[in-house]
Amino acid sequence: MGALRTPREKWIEEGLRVLAEQGVDAVRVEVLARALGVTKGGFYGYFDDREALLAAMLDAWERESVDDVIERARKAGGDIVDQARIAGQLTFSNDRLLPIDLAVRAWARRDPAVAERLHTVDNRRMQVLREAIGSYCSDPDEVEARGLAAFCLAIGRHLISADHGGRARDQVVADAATIILGRTGGLAAP
């Protein structure tokens, strides 16, 4: 009986972990094989090369951070604004998806193909915001501005290290989200 093969998903998952922790340059076959405790030969049973792994990682990131998040938010219930808020929380407030998302953004600054994929993903996310905000706001310019502000808050709050005059950061973020969305329990609240 032959040795058990490391599943394809394990290679992708380890690649995403390394991407999130160390950046795309650290995602190398040898590094992943060592972390998985296997030889790199099994890698080539699933992927032609490193580029094929990187493409599979982007596919997994998009599926998990958009498709799965939207599905989970819908299952959670509530109206469309509540679902958009939950989607934002699932994407930008957890220890799994947020570091991957930020690493993909850094990678996209150097790689036009990754930038295009990020553009597609962000457009899908913006559409969720447009639909949610459009459910109570009829001005398309205001819908777009509020959607952009909500998206900027969701991502940017992780990149800004400012004090808030003695106020708790989580409360300031929740208050900003309430102002942007015009409702209590804003999109980016933790």
Protein backbone atom coordinates (compact mmCIF):
# COMPACT_ATOMS: atom_id res chain seq x y z
CA MET A 1 0.00 0.00 0.00
CA GLY A 2 1.39 3.44 -1.02
CA ALA A 3 1.90 6.42 1.22
CA LEU A 4 -1.00 8.78 1.70
CA ARG A 5 -0.75 11.84 -0.47
CA THR A 6 -1.02 15.31 1.04
CA PRO A 7 -4.35 16.70 -0.24
CA ARG A 8 -4.30 19.59 -2.72
CA GLU A 9 -6.26 21.74 -0.26
CA LYS A 10 -3.48 21.39 2.33
CA TRP A 11 -0.96 22.88 -0.10
CA ILE A 12 -3.32 25.78 -0.82
CA GLU A 13 -4.11 26.32 2.86
CA GLU A 14 -0.44 26.33 3.80
CA GLY A 15 0.26 28.72 0.94
CA LEU A 16 -2.42 31.10 2.23
CA ARG A 17 -1.02 30.87 5.76
CA VAL A 18 2.48 31.72 4.56
CA LEU A 19 1.14 34.51 2.34
CA ALA A 20 -0.70 36.07 5.29
CA GLU A 21 2.28 35.80 7.64
CA GLN A 22 5.25 36.49 5.38
CA GLY A 23 4.07 37.71 1.98
CA VAL A 24 4.02 36.20 -1.49
CA ASP A 25 7.80 35.92 -1.84
CA ALA A 26 7.85 33.41 1.04
CA VAL A 27 5.34 31.12 -0.71
CA ARG A 28 7.79 28.59 -2.10
CA VAL A 29 7.33 24.88 -2.71
CA GLU A 30 10.23 23.91 -0.45
CA VAL A 31 8.92 26.06 2.41
CA LEU A 32 5.41 24.63 2.14
CA ALA A 33 6.67 21.04 1.92
CA ARG A 34 8.79 21.52 5.02
CA ALA A 35 5.85 23.05 6.94
CA LEU A 36 3.60 20.18 5.85
CA GLY A 37 6.25 17.63 6.75
CA VAL A 38 6.33 16.11 3.27
CA THR A 39 8.59 16.08 0.24
CA LYS A 40 7.97 18.56 -2.52
CA GLY A 41 7.36 15.75 -5.02
CA GLY A 42 3.70 15.50 -4.01
CA PHE A 43 3.22 19.15 -4.92
CA TYR A 44 3.77 18.42 -8.59
CA GLY A 45 0.95 15.88 -8.62
CA TYR A 46 -1.44 18.80 -8.16
CA PHE A 47 0.32 21.84 -9.60
CA ASP A 48 2.49 22.35 -12.65
CA ASP A 49 4.51 25.01 -10.87
CA ARG A 50 4.46 27.72 -8.21
CA GLU A 51 2.36 29.99 -10.44
CA ALA A 52 -0.39 27.35 -10.58
CA LEU A 53 -0.38 27.19 -6.78
CA LEU A 54 -0.58 30.98 -6.53
CA ALA A 55 -3.57 31.00 -8.91
CA ALA A 56 -5.27 28.29 -6.84
CA MET A 57 -4.62 30.33 -3.69
CA LEU A 58 -6.30 33.37 -5.26
CA ASP A 59 -9.26 31.20 -6.26
CA ALA A 60 -9.56 29.91 -2.70
CA TRP A 61 -9.25 33.43 -1.27
CA GLU A 62 -11.98 34.79 -3.55
CA ARG A 63 -14.30 31.86 -2.86
CA GLU A 64 -13.83 32.04 0.90
CA SER A 65 -13.80 35.82 1.28
CA VAL A 66 -16.68 36.59 -1.08
CA ASP A 67 -18.82 33.59 -1.98
CA ASP A 68 -18.66 31.86 1.39
CA VAL A 69 -18.97 35.12 3.32
CA ILE A 70 -22.07 36.19 1.37
CA GLU A 71 -23.63 32.78 1.89
CA ARG A 72 -22.92 32.84 5.63
CA ALA A 73 -24.30 36.38 5.92
CA ARG A 74 -27.51 35.38 4.11
CA LYS A 75 -27.95 32.35 6.35
CA ALA A 76 -27.51 34.57 9.42
CA GLY A 77 -30.71 36.34 8.43
CA GLY A 78 -31.79 39.90 8.94
CA ASP A 79 -32.40 42.43 6.23
CA ILE A 80 -29.96 43.24 3.44
CA VAL A 81 -28.16 45.89 5.51
CA ASP A 82 -27.69 43.46 8.40
CA GLN A 83 -26.31 40.92 5.93
CA ALA A 84 -23.85 43.45 4.51
CA ARG A 85 -22.73 44.31 8.05
CA ILE A 86 -22.23 40.63 8.86
CA ALA A 87 -20.32 40.11 5.60
CA GLY A 88 -18.00 42.98 6.55
CA GLN A 89 -17.46 41.55 10.00
CA LEU A 90 -16.71 38.10 8.63
CA THR A 91 -14.22 39.47 6.13
CA PHE A 92 -12.46 42.29 7.94
CA SER A 93 -12.77 41.45 11.63
CA ASN A 94 -11.35 37.97 11.92
CA ASP A 95 -7.94 36.45 12.32
CA ARG A 96 -8.19 34.29 9.20
CA LEU A 97 -9.53 36.32 6.29
CA LEU A 98 -8.22 39.77 7.21
CA PRO A 99 -4.48 38.88 7.13
CA ILE A 100 -4.93 37.08 3.81
CA ASP A 101 -6.85 40.02 2.37
CA LEU A 102 -4.18 42.50 3.46
CA ALA A 103 -1.44 40.27 2.02
CA VAL A 104 -3.29 40.01 -1.31
CA ARG A 105 -3.54 43.83 -1.36
CA ALA A 106 0.22 44.13 -0.83
CA TRP A 107 0.85 41.51 -3.53
CA ALA A 108 -1.47 43.34 -5.95
CA ARG A 109 0.73 46.43 -5.72
CA ARG A 110 3.48 44.46 -7.51
CA ASP A 111 1.56 42.10 -9.77
CA PRO A 112 -0.92 43.36 -12.39
CA ALA A 113 -2.75 40.01 -12.61
CA VAL A 114 -3.30 39.98 -8.85
CA ALA A 115 -4.37 43.63 -9.03
CA GLU A 116 -7.00 42.63 -11.58
CA ARG A 117 -8.25 39.82 -9.34
CA LEU A 118 -8.41 42.20 -6.37
CA HIS A 119 -10.33 44.65 -8.55
CA THR A 120 -12.89 41.93 -9.33
CA VAL A 121 -13.23 40.93 -5.67
CA ASP A 122 -13.55 44.52 -4.47
CA ASN A 123 -16.19 45.21 -7.13
CA ARG A 124 -18.18 42.23 -5.88
CA ARG A 125 -17.91 43.53 -2.33
CA MET A 126 -18.93 47.03 -3.41
CA GLN A 127 -21.99 45.57 -5.10
CA VAL A 128 -23.09 44.07 -1.78
CA LEU A 129 -22.76 47.54 -0.23
CA ARG A 130 -24.60 49.21 -3.11
CA GLU A 131 -27.52 46.82 -2.74
CA ALA A 132 -27.65 47.26 1.03
CA ILE A 133 -27.39 51.04 1.05
CA GLY A 134 -29.66 51.29 -1.99
CA SER A 135 -32.37 49.55 0.02
CA TYR A 136 -32.90 52.77 2.02
CA CYS A 137 -31.19 55.45 -0.06
CA SER A 138 -32.40 56.37 -3.54
CA ASP A 139 -29.62 58.79 -4.54
CA PRO A 140 -27.07 56.78 -6.59
CA ASP A 141 -24.28 59.26 -5.80
CA GLU A 142 -24.93 58.97 -2.09
CA VAL A 143 -25.16 55.17 -2.34
CA GLU A 144 -21.74 55.07 -4.02
CA ALA A 145 -20.18 57.52 -1.55
CA ARG A 146 -21.54 55.66 1.48
CA GLY A 147 -20.44 52.33 0.01
CA LEU A 148 -16.92 53.61 -0.56
CA ALA A 149 -16.77 55.14 2.92
CA ALA A 150 -17.96 51.86 4.48
CA PHE A 151 -15.39 49.88 2.51
CA CYS A 152 -12.62 52.33 3.44
CA LEU A 153 -13.58 52.06 7.10
CA ALA A 154 -13.63 48.26 6.99
CA ILE A 155 -10.13 48.03 5.49
CA GLY A 156 -8.52 51.26 6.62
CA ARG A 157 -9.20 50.85 10.31
CA HIS A 158 -6.65 48.04 10.32
CA LEU A 159 -4.00 50.30 8.80
CA ILE A 160 -4.49 53.39 10.94
CA SER A 161 -2.90 53.66 14.37
CA ALA A 162 -4.41 56.80 15.83
CA ASP A 163 -5.70 57.64 19.27
CA HIS A 164 -9.31 58.73 19.66
CA GLY A 165 -9.20 61.29 22.45
CA GLY A 166 -9.80 58.78 25.22
CA ARG A 167 -12.60 57.02 23.36
CA ALA A 168 -12.50 53.27 22.81
CA ARG A 169 -11.47 52.48 19.24
CA ASP A 170 -14.18 49.84 18.80
CA GLN A 171 -16.82 52.37 19.78
CA VAL A 172 -15.43 55.02 17.41
CA VAL A 173 -15.47 52.47 14.57
CA ALA A 174 -19.06 51.49 15.43
CA ASP A 175 -20.08 55.16 15.54
CA ALA A 176 -18.41 55.84 12.17
CA ALA A 177 -20.18 52.85 10.65
CA THR A 178 -23.50 54.09 12.00
CA ILE A 179 -22.92 57.48 10.43
CA ILE A 180 -21.92 55.93 7.09
CA LEU A 181 -24.75 53.45 6.92
CA GLY A 182 -27.32 55.65 8.58
CA ARG A 183 -28.29 52.78 10.86
CA THR A 184 -27.28 51.32 14.19
CA GLY A 185 -24.87 48.38 14.11
CA GLY A 186 -22.72 49.55 11.23
CA LEU A 187 -20.86 47.51 8.67
CA ALA A 188 -17.40 47.58 10.16
CA ALA A 189 -18.26 47.22 13.83
CA PRO A 190 -16.31 44.40 15.47
